[in-house]
């Protein structure tokens, strides 16, 4: 855990949120500043700073995040209409919170 990381604090219950899903490796919750009707964050429980900090040993967590995104899209009823799975990488790529996370974004009307 990183001392000042907001996602580490959420994972550890220091900042309250409603988890849509939780296991030993991942937590899933709604973005507090949504950019779409459905905007969900999929966050590893272990602090990994960015995609750039991933190692070969992290392949399973990345796979688990993608599969969790697929599962949540189905639960949210947007799997057929379409959705985005998005990683922002570093400040220039739009990363604001430096704890690896993936956005599930969708639910727009045609």
PDB file of N, CA and C in Angstrom:
ATOM      1  N   UNK A   1       0.839  -1.190   0.000  1.00  0.00           N
ATOM      2  CA  UNK A   1       0.000   0.000   0.000  1.00  0.00           C
ATOM      3  C   UNK A   1       0.878   1.246   0.000  1.00  0.00           C
ATOM      4  N   UNK A   2       0.495   2.199  -0.821  1.00  0.00           N
ATOM      5  CA  UNK A   2       1.161   3.491  -0.843  1.00  0.00           C
ATOM      6  C   UNK A   2       0.413   4.419   0.111  1.00  0.00           C
ATOM      7  N   UNK A   3       1.142   5.139   0.923  1.00  0.00           N
ATOM      8  CA  UNK A   3       0.569   5.964   1.985  1.00  0.00           C
ATOM      9  C   UNK A   3      -0.476   6.963   1.492  1.00  0.00           C
ATOM     10  N   UNK A   4      -0.229   7.635   0.389  1.00  0.00           N
ATOM     11  CA  UNK A   4      -1.123   8.691  -0.074  1.00  0.00           C
ATOM     12  C   UNK A   4      -1.995   8.285  -1.258  1.00  0.00           C
ATOM     13  N   UNK A   5      -2.034   7.011  -1.599  1.00  0.00           N
ATOM     14  CA  UNK A   5      -2.790   6.544  -2.763  1.00  0.00           C
ATOM     15  C   UNK A   5      -4.274   6.404  -2.414  1.00  0.00           C
ATOM     16  N   UNK A   6      -5.105   7.151  -3.130  1.00  0.00           N
ATOM     17  CA  UNK A   6      -6.548   7.115  -2.862  1.00  0.00           C
ATOM     18  C   UNK A   6      -7.132   5.725  -3.101  1.00  0.00           C
ATOM     19  N   UNK A   7      -6.658   5.021  -4.122  1.00  0.00           N
ATOM     20  CA  UNK A   7      -7.196   3.682  -4.381  1.00  0.00           C
ATOM     21  C   UNK A   7      -6.753   2.682  -3.317  1.00  0.00           C
ATOM     22  N   UNK A   8      -5.537   2.811  -2.813  1.00  0.00           N
ATOM     23  CA  UNK A   8      -5.113   1.950  -1.700  1.00  0.00           C
ATOM     24  C   UNK A   8      -6.002   2.188  -0.483  1.00  0.00           C
ATOM     25  N   UNK A   9      -6.361   3.446  -0.250  1.00  0.00           N
ATOM     26  CA  UNK A   9      -7.237   3.776   0.881  1.00  0.00           C
ATOM     27  C   UNK A   9      -8.635   3.202   0.674  1.00  0.00           C
ATOM     28  N   UNK A  10      -9.129   3.222  -0.557  1.00  0.00           N
ATOM     29  CA  UNK A  10     -10.434   2.612  -0.854  1.00  0.00           C
ATOM     30  C   UNK A  10     -10.366   1.106  -0.646  1.00  0.00           C
ATOM     31  N   UNK A  11      -9.321   0.470  -1.169  1.00  0.00           N
ATOM     32  CA  UNK A  11      -9.149  -0.982  -1.016  1.00  0.00           C
ATOM     33  C   UNK A  11      -9.139  -1.371   0.460  1.00  0.00           C
ATOM     34  N   UNK A  12      -8.476  -0.579   1.284  1.00  0.00           N
ATOM     35  CA  UNK A  12      -8.333  -0.887   2.708  1.00  0.00           C
ATOM     36  C   UNK A  12      -9.478  -0.380   3.570  1.00  0.00           C
ATOM     37  N   UNK A  13     -10.507   0.206   2.965  1.00  0.00           N
ATOM     38  CA  UNK A  13     -11.669   0.659   3.718  1.00  0.00           C
ATOM     39  C   UNK A  13     -11.486   1.986   4.425  1.00  0.00           C
ATOM     40  N   UNK A  14     -10.391   2.686   4.156  1.00  0.00           N
ATOM     41  CA  UNK A  14     -10.176   3.988   4.788  1.00  0.00           C
ATOM     42  C   UNK A  14     -11.046   5.070   4.160  1.00  0.00           C
ATOM     43  N   UNK A  15     -11.401   4.890   2.906  1.00  0.00           N
ATOM     44  CA  UNK A  15     -12.331   5.775   2.210  1.00  0.00           C
ATOM     45  C   UNK A  15     -13.519   4.908   1.825  1.00  0.00           C
ATOM     46  N   UNK A  16     -14.703   5.241   2.319  1.00  0.00           N
ATOM     47  CA  UNK A  16     -15.852   4.375   2.049  1.00  0.00           C
ATOM     48  C   UNK A  16     -16.315   4.468   0.597  1.00  0.00           C
ATOM     49  N   UNK A  17     -16.704   3.336   0.071  1.00  0.00           N
ATOM     50  CA  UNK A  17     -17.326   3.241  -1.244  1.00  0.00           C
ATOM     51  C   UNK A  17     -18.158   1.972  -1.273  1.00  0.00           C
ATOM     52  N   UNK A  18     -19.023   1.891  -2.231  1.00  0.00           N
ATOM     53  CA  UNK A  18     -19.816   0.682  -2.416  1.00  0.00           C
ATOM     54  C   UNK A  18     -19.145  -0.151  -3.493  1.00  0.00           C
ATOM     55  N   UNK A  19     -18.696  -1.330  -3.107  1.00  0.00           N
ATOM     56  CA  UNK A  19     -18.071  -2.224  -4.066  1.00  0.00           C
ATOM     57  C   UNK A  19     -19.148  -2.979  -4.834  1.00  0.00           C
ATOM     58  N   UNK A  20     -19.016  -2.992  -6.144  1.00  0.00           N
ATOM     59  CA  UNK A  20     -19.887  -3.790  -6.990  1.00  0.00           C
ATOM     60  C   UNK A  20     -19.404  -5.229  -7.025  1.00  0.00           C
ATOM     61  N   UNK A  21     -18.103  -5.392  -6.746  1.00  0.00           N
ATOM     62  CA  UNK A  21     -17.456  -6.713  -6.731  1.00  0.00           C
ATOM     63  C   UNK A  21     -16.157  -6.561  -5.964  1.00  0.00           C
ATOM     64  N   UNK A  22     -15.801  -7.624  -5.246  1.00  0.00           N
ATOM     65  CA  UNK A  22     -14.539  -7.610  -4.503  1.00  0.00           C
ATOM     66  C   UNK A  22     -14.066  -9.038  -4.326  1.00  0.00           C
ATOM     67  N   UNK A  23     -12.763  -9.249  -4.549  1.00  0.00           N
ATOM     68  CA  UNK A  23     -12.129 -10.511  -4.179  1.00  0.00           C
ATOM     69  C   UNK A  23     -10.732 -10.172  -3.662  1.00  0.00           C
ATOM     70  N   UNK A  24      -9.879 -11.150  -3.497  1.00  0.00           N
ATOM     71  CA  UNK A  24      -8.549 -10.888  -2.941  1.00  0.00           C
ATOM     72  C   UNK A  24      -7.680 -10.040  -3.872  1.00  0.00           C
ATOM     73  N   UNK A  25      -7.974 -10.066  -5.170  1.00  0.00           N
ATOM     74  CA  UNK A  25      -7.115  -9.417  -6.152  1.00  0.00           C
ATOM     75  C   UNK A  25      -7.666  -8.127  -6.744  1.00  0.00           C
ATOM     76  N   UNK A  26      -8.999  -7.972  -6.746  1.00  0.00           N
ATOM     77  CA  UNK A  26      -9.629  -6.833  -7.407  1.00  0.00           C
ATOM     78  C   UNK A  26     -10.759  -6.245  -6.582  1.00  0.00           C
ATOM     79  N   UNK A  27     -10.975  -4.945  -6.751  1.00  0.00           N
ATOM     80  CA  UNK A  27     -12.200  -4.298  -6.293  1.00  0.00           C
ATOM     81  C   UNK A  27     -12.786  -3.557  -7.488  1.00  0.00           C
ATOM     82  N   UNK A  28     -14.111  -3.469  -7.512  1.00  0.00           N
ATOM     83  CA  UNK A  28     -14.799  -2.791  -8.603  1.00  0.00           C
ATOM     84  C   UNK A  28     -15.828  -1.858  -7.987  1.00  0.00           C
ATOM     85  N   UNK A  29     -15.814  -0.601  -8.456  1.00  0.00           N
ATOM     86  CA  UNK A  29     -16.755   0.393  -7.940  1.00  0.00           C
ATOM     87  C   UNK A  29     -17.019   1.446  -9.010  1.00  0.00           C
ATOM     88  N   UNK A  30     -18.061   2.236  -8.805  1.00  0.00           N
ATOM     89  CA  UNK A  30     -18.425   3.274  -9.771  1.00  0.00           C
ATOM     90  C   UNK A  30     -17.506   4.482  -9.634  1.00  0.00           C
ATOM     91  N   UNK A  31     -17.184   5.077 -10.773  1.00  0.00           N
ATOM     92  CA  UNK A  31     -16.389   6.306 -10.793  1.00  0.00           C
ATOM     93  C   UNK A  31     -17.229   7.431 -10.200  1.00  0.00           C
ATOM     94  N   UNK A  32     -16.636   8.247  -9.320  1.00  0.00           N
ATOM     95  CA  UNK A  32     -17.400   9.341  -8.708  1.00  0.00           C
ATOM     96  C   UNK A  32     -17.583  10.525  -9.657  1.00  0.00           C
ATOM     97  N   UNK A  33     -16.850  10.526 -10.771  1.00  0.00           N
ATOM     98  CA  UNK A  33     -16.973  11.571 -11.776  1.00  0.00           C
ATOM     99  C   UNK A  33     -17.195  10.904 -13.142  1.00  0.00           C
ATOM    100  N   UNK A  34     -18.384  10.299 -13.343  1.00  0.00           N
ATOM    101  CA  UNK A  34     -18.594   9.481 -14.541  1.00  0.00           C
ATOM    102  C   UNK A  34     -18.582  10.291 -15.831  1.00  0.00           C
ATOM    103  N   UNK A  35     -18.043   9.665 -16.871  1.00  0.00           N
ATOM    104  CA  UNK A  35     -17.994  10.248 -18.208  1.00  0.00           C
ATOM    105  C   UNK A  35     -18.971   9.568 -19.157  1.00  0.00           C
ATOM    106  N   UNK A  36     -19.809   8.693 -18.626  1.00  0.00           N
ATOM    107  CA  UNK A  36     -20.789   7.959 -19.422  1.00  0.00           C
ATOM    108  C   UNK A  36     -21.862   7.441 -18.469  1.00  0.00           C
ATOM    109  N   UNK A  37     -22.994   6.994 -18.994  1.00  0.00           N
ATOM    110  CA  UNK A  37     -24.031   6.431 -18.117  1.00  0.00           C
ATOM    111  C   UNK A  37     -23.514   5.284 -17.237  1.00  0.00           C
ATOM    112  N   UNK A  38     -22.620   4.474 -17.786  1.00  0.00           N
ATOM    113  CA  UNK A  38     -21.944   3.439 -16.991  1.00  0.00           C
ATOM    114  C   UNK A  38     -20.460   3.771 -17.009  1.00  0.00           C
ATOM    115  N   UNK A  39     -19.906   4.013 -15.828  1.00  0.00           N
ATOM    116  CA  UNK A  39     -18.467   4.291 -15.705  1.00  0.00           C
ATOM    117  C   UNK A  39     -17.995   3.638 -14.416  1.00  0.00           C
ATOM    118  N   UNK A  40     -17.344   2.513 -14.593  1.00  0.00           N
ATOM    119  CA  UNK A  40     -16.924   1.657 -13.477  1.00  0.00           C
ATOM    120  C   UNK A  40     -15.413   1.539 -13.489  1.00  0.00           C
ATOM    121  N   UNK A  41     -14.814   1.487 -12.302  1.00  0.00           N
ATOM    122  CA  UNK A  41     -13.365   1.324 -12.151  1.00  0.00           C
ATOM    123  C   UNK A  41     -13.062  -0.079 -11.652  1.00  0.00           C
ATOM    124  N   UNK A  42     -12.085  -0.706 -12.275  1.00  0.00           N
ATOM    125  CA  UNK A  42     -11.628  -2.044 -11.909  1.00  0.00           C
ATOM    126  C   UNK A  42     -10.189  -1.873 -11.440  1.00  0.00           C
ATOM    127  N   UNK A  43      -9.956  -2.158 -10.153  1.00  0.00           N
ATOM    128  CA  UNK A  43      -8.715  -1.775  -9.489  1.00  0.00           C
ATOM    129  C   UNK A  43      -8.081  -2.979  -8.791  1.00  0.00           C
ATOM    130  N   UNK A  44      -6.816  -3.265  -9.067  1.00  0.00           N
ATOM    131  CA  UNK A  44      -6.135  -4.325  -8.301  1.00  0.00           C
ATOM    132  C   UNK A  44      -6.008  -3.926  -6.826  1.00  0.00           C
ATOM    133  N   UNK A  45      -6.106  -4.901  -5.955  1.00  0.00           N
ATOM    134  CA  UNK A  45      -5.936  -4.610  -4.526  1.00  0.00           C
ATOM    135  C   UNK A  45      -4.472  -4.330  -4.189  1.00  0.00           C
ATOM    136  N   UNK A  46      -3.557  -4.891  -4.966  1.00  0.00           N
ATOM    137  CA  UNK A  46      -2.127  -4.638  -4.773  1.00  0.00           C
ATOM    138  C   UNK A  46      -1.742  -3.384  -5.532  1.00  0.00           C
ATOM    139  N   UNK A  47      -0.982  -2.523  -4.896  1.00  0.00           N
ATOM    140  CA  UNK A  47      -0.580  -1.277  -5.535  1.00  0.00           C
ATOM    141  C   UNK A  47       0.424  -1.553  -6.654  1.00  0.00           C
ATOM    142  N   UNK A  48       0.004  -1.203  -7.860  1.00  0.00           N
ATOM    143  CA  UNK A  48       0.878  -1.173  -9.031  1.00  0.00           C
ATOM    144  C   UNK A  48       0.695   0.231  -9.582  1.00  0.00           C
ATOM    145  N   UNK A  49       1.742   0.971  -9.733  1.00  0.00           N
ATOM    146  CA  UNK A  49       1.665   2.387 -10.053  1.00  0.00           C
ATOM    147  C   UNK A  49       1.010   2.671 -11.404  1.00  0.00           C
ATOM    148  N   UNK A  50       1.380   1.932 -12.446  1.00  0.00           N
ATOM    149  CA  UNK A  50       0.948   2.246 -13.803  1.00  0.00           C
ATOM    150  C   UNK A  50       1.157   1.029 -14.695  1.00  0.00           C
ATOM    151  N   UNK A  51       0.581   1.064 -15.875  1.00  0.00           N
ATOM    152  CA  UNK A  51       0.849   0.013 -16.865  1.00  0.00           C
ATOM    153  C   UNK A  51       2.355  -0.106 -17.088  1.00  0.00           C
ATOM    154  N   UNK A  52       3.066   1.009 -17.055  1.00  0.00           N
ATOM    155  CA  UNK A  52       4.521   0.988 -17.264  1.00  0.00           C
ATOM    156  C   UNK A  52       5.270   0.237 -16.173  1.00  0.00           C
ATOM    157  N   UNK A  53       4.628  -0.028 -15.052  1.00  0.00           N
ATOM    158  CA  UNK A  53       5.281  -0.739 -13.954  1.00  0.00           C
ATOM    159  C   UNK A  53       4.929  -2.220 -13.921  1.00  0.00           C
ATOM    160  N   UNK A  54       4.127  -2.679 -14.875  1.00  0.00           N
ATOM    161  CA  UNK A  54       3.775  -4.095 -14.938  1.00  0.00           C
ATOM    162  C   UNK A  54       5.000  -4.934 -15.293  1.00  0.00           C
ATOM    163  N   UNK A  55       5.046  -6.134 -14.750  1.00  0.00           N
ATOM    164  CA  UNK A  55       6.078  -7.100 -15.098  1.00  0.00           C
ATOM    165  C   UNK A  55       5.389  -8.350 -15.642  1.00  0.00           C
ATOM    166  N   UNK A  56       6.163  -9.281 -16.122  1.00  0.00           N
ATOM    167  CA  UNK A  56       5.601 -10.535 -16.606  1.00  0.00           C
ATOM    168  C   UNK A  56       4.783 -11.260 -15.551  1.00  0.00           C
ATOM    169  N   UNK A  57       5.142 -11.076 -14.302  1.00  0.00           N
ATOM    170  CA  UNK A  57       4.411 -11.716 -13.208  1.00  0.00           C
ATOM    171  C   UNK A  57       3.018 -11.129 -13.012  1.00  0.00           C
ATOM    172  N   UNK A  58       2.749  -9.973 -13.621  1.00  0.00           N
ATOM    173  CA  UNK A  58       1.453  -9.315 -13.473  1.00  0.00           C
ATOM    174  C   UNK A  58       0.459  -9.680 -14.565  1.00  0.00           C
ATOM    175  N   UNK A  59       0.819 -10.590 -15.451  1.00  0.00           N
ATOM    176  CA  UNK A  59      -0.066 -10.939 -16.569  1.00  0.00           C
ATOM    177  C   UNK A  59      -1.429 -11.420 -16.080  1.00  0.00           C
ATOM    178  N   UNK A  60      -1.466 -12.177 -15.009  1.00  0.00           N
ATOM    179  CA  UNK A  60      -2.742 -12.697 -14.508  1.00  0.00           C
ATOM    180  C   UNK A  60      -3.649 -11.575 -14.028  1.00  0.00           C
ATOM    181  N   UNK A  61      -3.112 -10.592 -13.352  1.00  0.00           N
ATOM    182  CA  UNK A  61      -3.972  -9.513 -12.845  1.00  0.00           C
ATOM    183  C   UNK A  61      -4.558  -8.717 -14.004  1.00  0.00           C
ATOM    184  N   UNK A  62      -3.780  -8.491 -15.055  1.00  0.00           N
ATOM    185  CA  UNK A  62      -4.292  -7.763 -16.223  1.00  0.00           C
ATOM    186  C   UNK A  62      -5.401  -8.583 -16.886  1.00  0.00           C
ATOM    187  N   UNK A  63      -5.184  -9.878 -17.042  1.00  0.00           N
ATOM    188  CA  UNK A  63      -6.210 -10.753 -17.602  1.00  0.00           C
ATOM    189  C   UNK A  63      -7.463 -10.745 -16.730  1.00  0.00           C
ATOM    190  N   UNK A  64      -7.280 -10.828 -15.418  1.00  0.00           N
ATOM    191  CA  UNK A  64      -8.417 -10.806 -14.490  1.00  0.00           C
ATOM    192  C   UNK A  64      -9.189  -9.496 -14.600  1.00  0.00           C
ATOM    193  N   UNK A  65      -8.482  -8.386 -14.783  1.00  0.00           N
ATOM    194  CA  UNK A  65      -9.144  -7.088 -14.916  1.00  0.00           C
ATOM    195  C   UNK A  65     -10.015  -7.061 -16.171  1.00  0.00           C
ATOM    196  N   UNK A  66      -9.496  -7.571 -17.269  1.00  0.00           N
ATOM    197  CA  UNK A  66     -10.260  -7.578 -18.513  1.00  0.00           C
ATOM    198  C   UNK A  66     -11.488  -8.487 -18.386  1.00  0.00           C
ATOM    199  N   UNK A  67     -11.309  -9.647 -17.805  1.00  0.00           N
ATOM    200  CA  UNK A  67     -12.447 -10.557 -17.621  1.00  0.00           C
ATOM    201  C   UNK A  67     -13.478  -9.959 -16.665  1.00  0.00           C
ATOM    202  N   UNK A  68     -13.015  -9.235 -15.653  1.00  0.00           N
ATOM    203  CA  UNK A  68     -13.946  -8.560 -14.741  1.00  0.00           C
ATOM    204  C   UNK A  68     -14.708  -7.464 -15.476  1.00  0.00           C
ATOM    205  N   UNK A  69     -14.040  -6.769 -16.391  1.00  0.00           N
ATOM    206  CA  UNK A  69     -14.715  -5.761 -17.200  1.00  0.00           C
ATOM    207  C   UNK A  69     -15.820  -6.379 -18.049  1.00  0.00           C
ATOM    208  N   UNK A  70     -15.531  -7.499 -18.658  1.00  0.00           N
ATOM    209  CA  UNK A  70     -16.527  -8.221 -19.455  1.00  0.00           C
ATOM    210  C   UNK A  70     -17.707  -8.630 -18.578  1.00  0.00           C
ATOM    211  N   UNK A  71     -17.422  -9.183 -17.391  1.00  0.00           N
ATOM    212  CA  UNK A  71     -18.470  -9.600 -16.461  1.00  0.00           C
ATOM    213  C   UNK A  71     -19.349  -8.419 -16.055  1.00  0.00           C
ATOM    214  N   UNK A  72     -18.718  -7.288 -15.738  1.00  0.00           N
ATOM    215  CA  UNK A  72     -19.480  -6.126 -15.290  1.00  0.00           C
ATOM    216  C   UNK A  72     -20.298  -5.534 -16.431  1.00  0.00           C
ATOM    217  N   UNK A  73     -19.785  -5.564 -17.660  1.00  0.00           N
ATOM    218  CA  UNK A  73     -20.559  -5.081 -18.807  1.00  0.00           C
ATOM    219  C   UNK A  73     -21.828  -5.918 -18.972  1.00  0.00           C
ATOM    220  N   UNK A  74     -21.709  -7.214 -18.758  1.00  0.00           N
ATOM    221  CA  UNK A  74     -22.881  -8.080 -18.823  1.00  0.00           C
ATOM    222  C   UNK A  74     -23.862  -7.736 -17.710  1.00  0.00           C
ATOM    223  N   UNK A  75     -23.359  -7.579 -16.482  1.00  0.00           N
ATOM    224  CA  UNK A  75     -24.218  -7.245 -15.336  1.00  0.00           C
ATOM    225  C   UNK A  75     -24.904  -5.896 -15.506  1.00  0.00           C
ATOM    226  N   UNK A  76     -24.223  -4.953 -16.140  1.00  0.00           N
ATOM    227  CA  UNK A  76     -24.769  -3.605 -16.337  1.00  0.00           C
ATOM    228  C   UNK A  76     -25.656  -3.508 -17.574  1.00  0.00           C
ATOM    229  N   UNK A  77     -25.750  -4.597 -18.341  1.00  0.00           N
ATOM    230  CA  UNK A  77     -26.619  -4.641 -19.505  1.00  0.00           C
ATOM    231  C   UNK A  77     -26.090  -3.892 -20.716  1.00  0.00           C
ATOM    232  N   UNK A  78     -24.770  -3.743 -20.807  1.00  0.00           N
ATOM    233  CA  UNK A  78     -24.198  -3.009 -21.942  1.00  0.00           C
ATOM    234  C   UNK A  78     -23.304  -3.882 -22.820  1.00  0.00           C
ATOM    235  N   UNK A  79     -23.263  -5.159 -22.551  1.00  0.00           N
ATOM    236  CA  UNK A  79     -22.344  -6.020 -23.308  1.00  0.00           C
ATOM    237  C   UNK A  79     -22.733  -6.115 -24.783  1.00  0.00           C
ATOM    238  N   UNK A  80     -23.994  -6.088 -25.098  1.00  0.00           N
ATOM    239  CA  UNK A  80     -24.441  -6.209 -26.494  1.00  0.00           C
ATOM    240  C   UNK A  80     -24.353  -4.874 -27.227  1.00  0.00           C
ATOM    241  N   UNK A  81     -24.655  -3.776 -26.545  1.00  0.00           N
ATOM    242  CA  UNK A  81     -24.646  -2.460 -27.203  1.00  0.00           C
ATOM    243  C   UNK A  81     -23.232  -1.923 -27.394  1.00  0.00           C
ATOM    244  N   UNK A  82     -22.303  -2.370 -26.553  1.00  0.00           N
ATOM    245  CA  UNK A  82     -20.904  -1.975 -26.690  1.00  0.00           C
ATOM    246  C   UNK A  82     -20.404  -1.134 -25.530  1.00  0.00           C
ATOM    247  N   UNK A  83     -19.099  -1.207 -25.323  1.00  0.00           N
ATOM    248  CA  UNK A  83     -18.461  -0.517 -24.209  1.00  0.00           C
ATOM    249  C   UNK A  83     -16.980  -0.367 -24.495  1.00  0.00           C
ATOM    250  N   UNK A  84     -16.322   0.416 -23.647  1.00  0.00           N
ATOM    251  CA  UNK A  84     -14.875   0.600 -23.746  1.00  0.00           C
ATOM    252  C   UNK A  84     -14.220   0.083 -22.478  1.00  0.00           C
ATOM    253  N   UNK A  85     -13.065  -0.544 -22.637  1.00  0.00           N
ATOM    254  CA  UNK A  85     -12.174  -0.873 -21.530  1.00  0.00           C
ATOM    255  C   UNK A  85     -10.938  -0.021 -21.757  1.00  0.00           C
ATOM    256  N   UNK A  86     -10.595   0.817 -20.790  1.00  0.00           N
ATOM    257  CA  UNK A  86      -9.590   1.842 -21.020  1.00  0.00           C
ATOM    258  C   UNK A  86      -8.588   1.916 -19.873  1.00  0.00           C
ATOM    259  N   UNK A  87      -7.311   1.907 -20.238  1.00  0.00           N
ATOM    260  CA  UNK A  87      -6.222   2.200 -19.315  1.00  0.00           C
ATOM    261  C   UNK A  87      -5.633   3.544 -19.716  1.00  0.00           C
ATOM    262  N   UNK A  88      -5.543   4.487 -18.796  1.00  0.00           N
ATOM    263  CA  UNK A  88      -4.791   5.720 -19.017  1.00  0.00           C
ATOM    264  C   UNK A  88      -3.394   5.474 -18.463  1.00  0.00           C
ATOM    265  N   UNK A  89      -2.365   5.833 -19.236  1.00  0.00           N
ATOM    266  CA  UNK A  89      -1.000   5.520 -18.835  1.00  0.00           C
ATOM    267  C   UNK A  89      -0.180   6.806 -18.736  1.00  0.00           C
ATOM    268  N   UNK A  90       0.252   7.082 -17.526  1.00  0.00           N
ATOM    269  CA  UNK A  90       1.070   8.252 -17.195  1.00  0.00           C
ATOM    270  C   UNK A  90       0.300   9.557 -17.437  1.00  0.00           C
ATOM    271  N   UNK A  91       0.839  10.629 -16.936  1.00  0.00           N
ATOM    272  CA  UNK A  91       0.163  11.921 -16.976  1.00  0.00           C
ATOM    273  C   UNK A  91      -0.224  12.327 -18.398  1.00  0.00           C
ATOM    274  N   UNK A  92       0.674  12.153 -19.353  1.00  0.00           N
ATOM    275  CA  UNK A  92       0.399  12.517 -20.734  1.00  0.00           C
ATOM    276  C   UNK A  92      -0.689  11.675 -21.375  1.00  0.00           C
ATOM    277  N   UNK A  93      -0.954  10.507 -20.825  1.00  0.00           N
ATOM    278  CA  UNK A  93      -2.009   9.629 -21.318  1.00  0.00           C
ATOM    279  C   UNK A  93      -3.299   9.755 -20.528  1.00  0.00           C
ATOM    280  N   UNK A  94      -3.339  10.735 -19.631  1.00  0.00           N
ATOM    281  CA  UNK A  94      -4.561  10.989 -18.884  1.00  0.00           C
ATOM    282  C   UNK A  94      -4.645  10.328 -17.522  1.00  0.00           C
ATOM    283  N   UNK A  95      -3.594   9.631 -17.097  1.00  0.00           N
ATOM    284  CA  UNK A  95      -3.638   8.998 -15.774  1.00  0.00           C
ATOM    285  C   UNK A  95      -3.566  10.073 -14.701  1.00  0.00           C
ATOM    286  N   UNK A  96      -4.538  10.057 -13.797  1.00  0.00           N
ATOM    287  CA  UNK A  96      -4.616  11.038 -12.711  1.00  0.00           C
ATOM    288  C   UNK A  96      -4.277  10.384 -11.381  1.00  0.00           C
ATOM    289  N   UNK A  97      -4.764   9.162 -11.174  1.00  0.00           N
ATOM    290  CA  UNK A  97      -4.475   8.412  -9.953  1.00  0.00           C
ATOM    291  C   UNK A  97      -3.443   7.357 -10.313  1.00  0.00           C
ATOM    292  N   UNK A  98      -2.307   7.407  -9.647  1.00  0.00           N
ATOM    293  CA  UNK A  98      -1.195   6.525  -9.998  1.00  0.00           C
ATOM    294  C   UNK A  98      -1.246   5.226  -9.189  1.00  0.00           C
ATOM    295  N   UNK A  99      -2.303   4.478  -9.483  1.00  0.00           N
ATOM    296  CA  UNK A  99      -2.539   3.113  -9.037  1.00  0.00           C
ATOM    297  C   UNK A  99      -3.241   2.484 -10.231  1.00  0.00           C
ATOM    298  N   UNK A 100      -2.666   1.435 -10.781  1.00  0.00           N
ATOM    299  CA  UNK A 100      -3.225   0.796 -11.959  1.00  0.00           C
ATOM    300  C   UNK A 100      -4.732   0.613 -11.817  1.00  0.00           C
ATOM    301  N   UNK A 101      -5.475   0.992 -12.844  1.00  0.00           N
ATOM    302  CA  UNK A 101      -6.907   0.762 -12.870  1.00  0.00           C
ATOM    303  C   UNK A 101      -7.390   0.791 -14.313  1.00  0.00           C
ATOM    304  N   UNK A 102      -8.517   0.144 -14.523  1.00  0.00           N
ATOM    305  CA  UNK A 102      -9.124   0.093 -15.846  1.00  0.00           C
ATOM    306  C   UNK A 102     -10.539   0.647 -15.750  1.00  0.00           C
ATOM    307  N   UNK A 103     -10.892   1.456 -16.730  1.00  0.00           N
ATOM    308  CA  UNK A 103     -12.242   2.023 -16.802  1.00  0.00           C
ATOM    309  C   UNK A 103     -13.107   1.157 -17.694  1.00  0.00           C
ATOM    310  N   UNK A 104     -14.319   0.872 -17.238  1.00  0.00           N
ATOM    311  CA  UNK A 104     -15.378   0.286 -18.060  1.00  0.00           C
ATOM    312  C   UNK A 104     -16.355   1.417 -18.326  1.00  0.00           C
ATOM    313  N   UNK A 105     -16.498   1.783 -19.594  1.00  0.00           N
ATOM    314  CA  UNK A 105     -17.306   2.947 -19.958  1.00  0.00           C
ATOM    315  C   UNK A 105     -18.290   2.532 -21.044  1.00  0.00           C
ATOM    316  N   UNK A 106     -19.558   2.895 -20.878  1.00  0.00           N
ATOM    317  CA  UNK A 106     -20.555   2.586 -21.888  1.00  0.00           C
ATOM    318  C   UNK A 106     -21.938   3.041 -21.476  1.00  0.00           C
ATOM    319  N   UNK A 107     -22.926   2.503 -22.151  1.00  0.00           N
ATOM    320  CA  UNK A 107     -24.305   2.807 -21.823  1.00  0.00           C
ATOM    321  C   UNK A 107     -24.891   3.992 -22.567  1.00  0.00           C
ATOM    322  N   UNK A 108     -24.204   4.470 -23.601  1.00  0.00           N
ATOM    323  CA  UNK A 108     -24.740   5.586 -24.376  1.00  0.00           C
ATOM    324  C   UNK A 108     -25.916   5.121 -25.208  1.00  0.00           C
ATOM    325  N   UNK A 109     -26.863   5.991 -25.395  1.00  0.00           N
ATOM    326  CA  UNK A 109     -27.991   5.712 -26.287  1.00  0.00           C
ATOM    327  C   UNK A 109     -27.573   6.048 -27.712  1.00  0.00           C
ATOM    328  N   UNK A 110     -28.129   5.344 -28.679  1.00  0.00           N
ATOM    329  CA  UNK A 110     -27.799   5.602 -30.097  1.00  0.00           C
ATOM    330  C   UNK A 110     -28.336   6.942 -30.527  1.00  0.00           C
TER     331      UNK A 110
END
